[in-house]
Protein backbone atom coordinates (compact mmCIF):
# COMPACT_ATOMS: atom_id res chain seq x y z
CA MET A 1 -8.36 -22.39 -6.12
CA LYS A 2 -10.49 -23.56 -9.03
CA THR A 3 -9.49 -27.00 -10.27
CA GLU A 4 -9.31 -25.91 -13.90
CA TRP A 5 -7.09 -22.93 -13.04
CA LYS A 6 -4.82 -25.04 -10.85
CA THR A 7 -4.44 -27.54 -13.68
CA PHE A 8 -3.61 -24.73 -16.09
CA LEU A 9 -0.96 -23.34 -13.74
CA SER A 10 0.44 -26.79 -13.07
CA ASP A 11 0.81 -27.38 -16.80
CA ALA A 12 2.62 -24.00 -16.95
CA GLY A 13 5.18 -25.31 -14.45
CA ALA A 14 3.76 -24.10 -11.15
CA GLU A 15 4.91 -25.78 -7.94
CA PHE A 16 2.35 -25.64 -5.13
CA GLU A 17 2.53 -25.39 -1.35
CA ALA A 18 -0.70 -25.49 0.65
CA ASP A 19 -2.65 -25.18 -2.60
CA ARG A 20 -0.93 -21.88 -3.51
CA VAL A 21 1.72 -21.22 -6.13
CA ALA A 22 5.14 -21.26 -4.44
CA HIS A 23 7.25 -20.87 -7.58
CA PHE A 24 7.74 -22.01 -11.17
CA GLY A 25 10.80 -24.20 -10.71
CA ASN A 26 13.50 -21.66 -9.87
CA PRO A 27 12.53 -19.39 -6.95
CA VAL A 28 15.97 -17.73 -6.75
CA ARG A 29 15.83 -16.66 -10.40
CA GLU A 30 12.23 -15.55 -9.97
CA GLN A 31 13.13 -13.29 -7.06
CA ARG A 32 15.90 -11.70 -9.11
CA VAL A 33 13.88 -11.07 -12.25
CA THR A 34 11.04 -9.68 -10.12
CA LEU A 35 13.05 -6.51 -9.45
CA SER A 36 14.08 -5.91 -13.05
CA GLY A 37 11.75 -7.53 -15.56
CA LEU A 38 8.15 -8.10 -16.47
CA VAL A 39 6.67 -10.66 -14.07
CA PHE A 40 3.22 -11.96 -13.26
CA ALA A 41 1.85 -14.03 -10.40
CA ASP A 42 -1.26 -15.84 -9.28
CA LEU A 43 -2.72 -13.97 -6.30
CA ASP A 44 -4.79 -16.72 -4.75
CA TYR A 45 -3.52 -15.73 -1.30
CA LEU A 46 -5.87 -12.73 -1.61
CA GLY A 47 -9.61 -13.08 -1.20
CA VAL A 48 -12.49 -10.85 -2.30
CA ILE A 49 -15.67 -9.78 -0.51
CA ALA A 50 -18.56 -8.29 -2.49
CA VAL A 51 -20.82 -5.75 -0.78
CA HIS A 52 -24.04 -4.68 -2.45
CA GLY A 53 -27.50 -3.37 -1.64
CA ARG A 54 -29.14 0.05 -1.48
CA ASP A 55 -27.24 1.01 1.68
CA ALA A 56 -23.87 -0.55 0.83
CA GLY A 57 -21.95 2.69 0.32
CA ASP A 58 -23.23 4.33 3.50
CA PHE A 59 -22.60 1.14 5.47
CA LEU A 60 -18.97 0.88 4.38
CA GLN A 61 -18.48 4.59 5.04
CA SER A 62 -19.52 3.99 8.63
CA GLN A 63 -17.14 1.05 9.08
CA PHE A 64 -13.84 1.86 7.36
CA SER A 65 -10.96 4.25 8.02
CA ASN A 66 -10.98 5.92 4.61
CA ASP A 67 -13.53 8.10 2.83
CA ILE A 68 -15.54 5.63 0.73
CA SER A 69 -17.71 8.47 -0.61
CA LYS A 70 -14.79 9.63 -2.77
CA LEU A 71 -14.43 6.27 -4.49
CA ASP A 72 -15.79 5.91 -8.03
CA GLU A 73 -15.54 3.13 -10.60
CA HIS A 74 -12.17 4.38 -11.80
CA SER A 75 -10.33 4.43 -8.49
CA SER A 76 -9.37 2.20 -5.58
CA GLN A 77 -8.18 2.89 -2.04
CA LEU A 78 -6.76 1.19 1.01
CA ASP A 79 -9.10 0.88 3.99
CA ALA A 80 -8.61 -0.41 7.50
CA TYR A 81 -11.40 -2.12 9.37
CA CYS A 82 -10.69 -1.54 13.04
CA THR A 83 -11.93 -2.84 16.35
CA PRO A 84 -13.44 -0.34 18.82
CA LYS A 85 -9.93 -0.11 20.33
CA GLY A 86 -8.58 1.13 16.99
CA ARG A 87 -6.69 -2.06 16.15
CA ILE A 88 -6.76 -3.25 12.54
CA LEU A 89 -8.81 -6.42 12.13
CA GLY A 90 -8.63 -6.33 8.34
CA LEU A 91 -6.80 -4.24 5.76
CA MET A 92 -8.23 -4.17 2.26
CA ARG A 93 -8.05 -2.48 -1.09
CA VAL A 94 -11.54 -1.36 -2.10
CA PHE A 95 -12.83 -0.84 -5.62
CA ARG A 96 -16.25 -0.88 -7.18
CA GLN A 97 -18.10 -1.79 -10.32
CA GLY A 98 -21.57 -0.37 -10.70
CA ASP A 99 -23.42 -0.84 -7.42
CA ILE A 100 -21.08 -3.55 -6.13
CA TRP A 101 -18.15 -2.77 -3.84
CA TYR A 102 -15.25 -5.21 -3.74
CA LEU A 103 -12.93 -5.64 -0.77
CA ARG A 104 -9.60 -7.32 -1.57
CA LEU A 105 -7.72 -8.62 1.47
CA PRO A 106 -5.54 -11.57 2.57
CA ALA A 107 -7.69 -14.68 2.40
CA ASP A 108 -6.82 -15.80 5.92
CA THR A 109 -8.53 -12.72 7.39
CA LEU A 110 -11.60 -12.77 5.14
CA ALA A 111 -13.84 -14.91 7.37
CA ALA A 112 -13.22 -12.80 10.48
CA VAL A 113 -13.80 -9.54 8.61
CA ILE A 114 -17.01 -10.61 6.92
CA GLN A 115 -18.36 -12.05 10.18
CA ARG A 116 -17.68 -8.81 12.06
CA LEU A 117 -19.16 -6.65 9.30
CA ARG A 118 -22.36 -8.72 9.24
CA MET A 119 -22.84 -8.03 12.94
CA PHE A 120 -23.42 -4.35 12.15
CA VAL A 121 -25.66 -4.61 9.10
CA MET A 122 -28.75 -4.57 11.32
CA ARG A 123 -31.72 -3.51 9.16
CA ALA A 124 -29.68 -1.92 6.41
CA ASP A 125 -30.11 -3.14 2.84
CA VAL A 126 -26.60 -4.63 2.64
CA THR A 127 -25.40 -8.05 1.53
CA LEU A 128 -21.86 -9.30 2.07
CA GLU A 129 -20.54 -12.32 0.18
CA ASP A 130 -17.24 -14.13 -0.21
CA VAL A 131 -16.81 -13.98 -3.99
CA SER A 132 -13.18 -15.09 -4.15
CA GLY A 133 -14.24 -17.93 -6.43
CA ASN A 134 -15.74 -15.47 -8.93
CA PHE A 135 -12.36 -13.99 -9.87
CA LEU A 136 -9.00 -15.28 -10.95
CA ARG A 137 -6.49 -12.79 -9.55
CA ILE A 138 -3.20 -12.03 -11.31
CA GLY A 139 -0.49 -9.56 -10.31
CA VAL A 140 1.61 -7.94 -13.05
CA SER A 141 4.75 -5.86 -12.51
CA GLY A 142 7.34 -4.26 -14.76
CA LYS A 143 8.08 -1.19 -16.85
CA ALA A 144 6.16 -2.65 -19.78
CA ALA A 145 3.24 -3.93 -17.67
CA GLY A 146 0.74 -1.25 -18.71
CA GLU A 147 1.56 -1.66 -22.38
CA VAL A 148 1.29 -5.45 -22.28
CA LEU A 149 -2.03 -5.23 -20.46
CA GLY A 150 -3.28 -3.25 -23.45
CA ALA A 151 -4.91 -0.37 -21.60
CA ALA A 152 -3.20 2.97 -22.06
CA ASP A 153 -4.86 4.61 -19.09
CA THR A 154 -3.51 1.95 -16.71
CA ALA A 155 -0.11 3.61 -17.10
CA ALA A 156 -1.40 6.63 -15.20
CA GLU A 157 -1.29 7.22 -11.45
CA PRO A 158 -1.55 4.45 -8.82
CA ASP A 159 -5.01 3.68 -7.46
CA GLN A 160 -6.66 4.09 -10.87
CA VAL A 161 -8.98 1.35 -12.13
CA THR A 162 -9.90 0.22 -15.64
CA HIS A 163 -12.86 -2.07 -16.36
CA GLY A 164 -13.15 -4.30 -19.41
CA ARG A 165 -15.68 -6.95 -20.29
CA ASP A 166 -13.93 -9.75 -18.37
CA LEU A 167 -11.01 -7.93 -16.74
CA THR A 168 -10.79 -5.29 -14.03
CA ILE A 169 -7.30 -3.78 -13.78
CA LEU A 170 -6.11 -1.90 -10.69
CA ARG A 171 -2.91 0.14 -10.80
CA VAL A 172 -1.32 -0.23 -7.36
CA PRO A 173 1.67 1.64 -5.91
CA GLY A 174 5.14 0.31 -6.62
CA ILE A 175 8.28 0.76 -8.68
CA PRO A 176 8.29 -0.55 -11.32
CA ALA A 177 4.61 -0.22 -12.24
CA ARG A 178 2.34 -2.82 -10.62
CA PHE A 179 -1.18 -3.96 -11.43
CA GLU A 180 -3.74 -6.31 -9.95
CA VAL A 181 -5.97 -7.93 -12.55
CA TYR A 182 -9.32 -9.53 -11.69
CA ALA A 183 -10.54 -11.92 -14.39
CA SER A 184 -14.19 -12.91 -14.21
CA SER A 185 -13.80 -15.86 -16.59
CA LEU A 186 -11.34 -18.72 -16.92
CA ASP A 187 -10.86 -18.01 -20.62
CA ALA A 188 -9.94 -14.39 -19.94
CA ALA A 189 -7.42 -15.42 -17.29
CA ARG A 190 -5.83 -18.04 -19.53
CA SER A 191 -5.62 -15.61 -22.44
CA LEU A 192 -3.99 -12.94 -20.28
CA TRP A 193 -1.53 -15.43 -18.78
CA ASP A 194 -0.49 -16.65 -22.23
CA THR A 195 -0.06 -13.07 -23.45
CA LEU A 196 2.11 -12.16 -20.47
CA ASN A 197 4.14 -15.32 -20.92
CA VAL A 198 5.39 -14.10 -24.30
CA GLN A 199 7.36 -11.18 -22.82
CA GLY A 200 7.44 -11.90 -19.10
CA ALA A 201 8.11 -14.58 -16.52
CA PRO A 202 5.67 -16.19 -14.07
CA VAL A 203 6.66 -15.95 -10.40
CA GLY A 204 5.35 -17.33 -7.14
CA GLU A 205 3.45 -15.68 -4.31
CA SER A 206 6.65 -14.83 -2.43
CA ALA A 207 7.97 -12.69 -5.29
CA TRP A 208 4.77 -10.64 -5.42
CA ARG A 209 4.77 -10.16 -1.67
CA LEU A 210 8.37 -8.94 -1.94
CA LEU A 211 7.15 -6.19 -4.26
CA GLU A 212 4.48 -5.24 -1.71
CA ILE A 213 7.15 -5.01 0.97
CA LEU A 214 9.48 -2.86 -1.13
CA ALA A 215 6.55 -0.56 -1.95
CA GLY A 216 6.09 -0.02 1.79
CA LEU A 217 2.53 -1.35 1.70
CA PRO A 218 1.40 -3.38 4.70
CA ASN A 219 -0.77 -6.44 4.63
CA ILE A 220 -2.62 -7.61 7.72
CA PHE A 221 -2.65 -11.40 7.95
CA ALA A 222 -4.46 -13.49 10.56
CA ALA A 223 -1.32 -13.56 12.71
CA THR A 224 -1.17 -9.76 12.93
CA ALA A 225 -4.90 -9.01 13.18
CA GLU A 226 -5.69 -6.63 16.06
CA LEU A 227 -2.00 -5.85 16.75
CA PHE A 228 -1.67 -2.45 15.10
CA VAL A 229 -3.42 0.91 14.99
CA PRO A 230 -3.52 2.27 11.38
CA GLN A 231 -0.75 4.84 11.91
CA MET A 232 1.58 2.10 13.17
CA THR A 233 1.47 0.63 9.65
CA ASN A 234 1.91 4.04 7.95
CA LEU A 235 -1.60 3.96 6.49
CA GLN A 236 -1.92 7.73 6.87
CA LEU A 237 1.09 8.05 4.51
CA VAL A 238 -0.31 5.78 1.77
CA ASN A 239 -3.84 7.19 1.56
CA GLY A 240 -5.40 4.60 3.84
CA VAL A 241 -6.94 6.91 6.46
CA SER A 242 -9.17 9.96 6.25
CA PHE A 243 -9.22 12.31 9.24
CA LYS A 244 -12.09 14.36 7.83
CA LYS A 245 -14.77 11.70 7.41
CA GLY A 246 -17.36 10.68 9.97
CA CYS A 247 -17.18 8.09 12.70
CA TYR A 248 -16.17 4.46 12.30
CA PRO A 249 -15.10 1.80 14.83
CA GLY A 250 -11.93 2.94 16.57
CA GLN A 251 -12.05 6.41 14.98
CA GLU A 252 -11.65 8.27 18.26
CA ILE A 253 -8.46 6.42 19.12
CA VAL A 254 -7.05 6.81 15.60
CA ALA A 255 -7.80 10.55 15.62
CA ARG A 256 -6.35 11.05 19.09
CA MET A 257 -3.12 9.37 18.04
CA GLN A 258 -2.93 11.64 15.00
CA TYR A 259 -3.67 14.97 16.63
CA LEU A 260 -2.10 14.51 20.06
CA GLY A 261 1.17 13.16 18.71
CA THR A 262 1.14 9.97 20.77
CA LEU A 263 2.50 7.67 18.05
CA LYS A 264 5.33 5.61 19.53
CA ARG A 265 5.55 2.92 16.84
CA ARG A 266 5.58 3.02 13.07
CA MET A 267 6.39 0.68 10.21
CA TYR A 268 9.91 0.42 8.80
CA LEU A 269 11.50 -1.37 5.87
CA GLY A 270 14.54 -3.47 6.68
CA ARG A 271 16.88 -6.21 5.52
CA ILE A 272 17.65 -9.26 7.62
CA ALA A 273 20.75 -11.32 6.82
CA SER A 274 19.13 -14.69 7.37
CA ASP A 275 17.62 -17.27 5.04
CA GLN A 276 15.22 -18.38 7.79
CA ILE A 277 12.32 -16.25 6.62
CA ALA A 278 10.45 -14.43 9.37
CA SER A 279 6.69 -14.81 9.70
CA PRO A 280 4.09 -12.11 10.32
CA ALA A 281 3.94 -11.24 14.05
CA ASP A 282 7.45 -12.55 14.82
CA SER A 283 9.04 -10.40 17.52
CA LEU A 284 12.04 -8.07 17.33
CA PHE A 285 14.23 -7.24 20.31
CA PRO A 286 16.71 -4.53 21.33
CA ALA A 287 20.44 -5.04 21.87
CA SER A 288 20.05 -4.39 25.59
CA GLY A 289 19.04 -7.99 26.22
CA SER A 290 15.57 -7.00 27.34
CA GLU A 291 12.95 -9.72 27.08
CA GLN A 292 10.41 -7.08 26.08
CA ALA A 293 9.85 -7.05 22.30
CA VAL A 294 10.19 -3.66 20.60
CA GLY A 295 8.52 -4.66 17.35
CA ARG A 296 6.65 -7.16 15.22
CA ILE A 297 7.18 -8.37 11.66
CA VAL A 298 4.40 -7.31 9.26
CA ASP A 299 5.71 -9.45 6.39
CA ALA A 300 9.08 -10.78 5.20
CA GLN A 301 10.17 -12.45 1.97
CA PRO A 302 13.47 -13.59 0.40
CA HIS A 303 15.47 -10.87 -1.36
CA PRO A 304 17.50 -11.66 -4.51
CA ASP A 305 20.61 -10.05 -3.00
CA GLY A 306 20.49 -12.49 -0.09
CA GLY A 307 18.65 -12.71 3.19
CA GLN A 308 15.20 -11.19 3.33
CA ALA A 309 13.37 -7.90 3.04
CA ALA A 310 10.85 -7.16 5.75
CA LEU A 311 8.33 -4.64 6.95
CA ALA A 312 8.16 -4.34 10.72
CA VAL A 313 6.32 -2.16 13.21
CA LEU A 314 8.97 -0.91 15.65
CA GLN A 315 9.21 1.41 18.58
CA ILE A 316 10.41 4.68 17.08
CA ALA A 317 13.11 5.05 19.74
CA SER A 318 14.49 1.59 18.99
CA ALA A 319 14.43 2.22 15.24
CA ASP A 320 16.28 5.50 15.74
CA ALA A 321 18.98 3.56 17.58
CA ASN A 322 19.10 1.12 14.62
CA ASP A 323 19.89 -1.74 16.99
CA VAL A 324 17.06 -4.26 16.59
CA TYR A 325 17.24 -8.04 16.19
CA LEU A 326 14.88 -10.77 15.02
CA GLY A 327 13.72 -13.32 17.55
CA ALA A 328 16.26 -12.49 20.27
CA THR A 329 19.14 -10.16 21.05
CA ALA A 330 21.45 -12.76 19.55
CA GLY A 331 19.35 -13.03 16.40
CA PRO A 332 20.06 -11.48 13.00
CA ALA A 333 19.91 -7.68 12.84
CA PHE A 334 17.04 -5.77 11.29
CA GLU A 335 18.96 -3.25 9.17
CA LEU A 336 16.89 -0.23 8.22
CA GLN A 337 16.34 0.57 4.54
CA PRO A 338 14.72 3.66 2.99
CA LEU A 339 10.99 3.47 2.34
CA PRO A 340 9.60 4.85 -0.95
CA TYR A 341 7.86 7.58 1.08
CA SER A 342 9.05 9.75 3.93
CA PHE A 343 7.86 10.20 7.49
CA PRO A 344 6.56 13.67 8.40
CA GLU A 345 8.78 15.83 10.58
């Protein structure tokens, strides 16, 4: 995090953990207002990779699960970068500005993703750079978010993108409306923060990640890298996979799982009645007492009504039985909650 930005946030009341904003003095209140009011958060836990060069578009098309060729400057999409075995190494939201493609993903997976991508550049005219330091990233959520951001078209459908001189605004799925804002200058970020502070409340990273969870959108952190095939995280249901595009690493396995009906695990939303917050990759177990885990946590964050909300990849049979527990059979139950989208019959 840039020193000047950290100082600005600190002066605004931010409390830090591991150099990231944990909260602004009252995390319980922040979690509660997150579900009902206008809130905004620093998104330093997300990093950004820039990809440019004459062959950048074709290169990304050959590497990612989604159809990059359909992406223009006014749209974004989720993309999985898979290993040859079809396991997700990195999950990113992709958008572009001019001839530069930007890949937004959890910062703790950025180094592994960029290293793997560089291995396949070969002689192509493609440059990949970590440009996280070029942007200050702010998440905004609430019914009035589009209006406060001052761009009428940002109130349209999710995945739309608006570019200004110093701000790029991505509408991302979620209820209420959610936006990711990328500020290319410190002055623009400060001005936006001050504007939002008039009507809204700043919140910590956990509150924003709670909104991601409730929207049913997975994140792949370092702890869960290479654990899941895209369909296990419902990516085919949130426009993260194209089954009509050409080849990419792991494509054969992903396609086989889709067309042969071999999916045995998928991602579920649940509540866990425990204040000991689960971590990505924590195991879930069945009531039978088996030592064999039937699922893994994707992400979990405190919920204002108590306990925590979590996304978890579970065996479908175990989820149907609705008898799954965190950490051990004697652990707290993972109680299924409805996702904002439905599974196909």
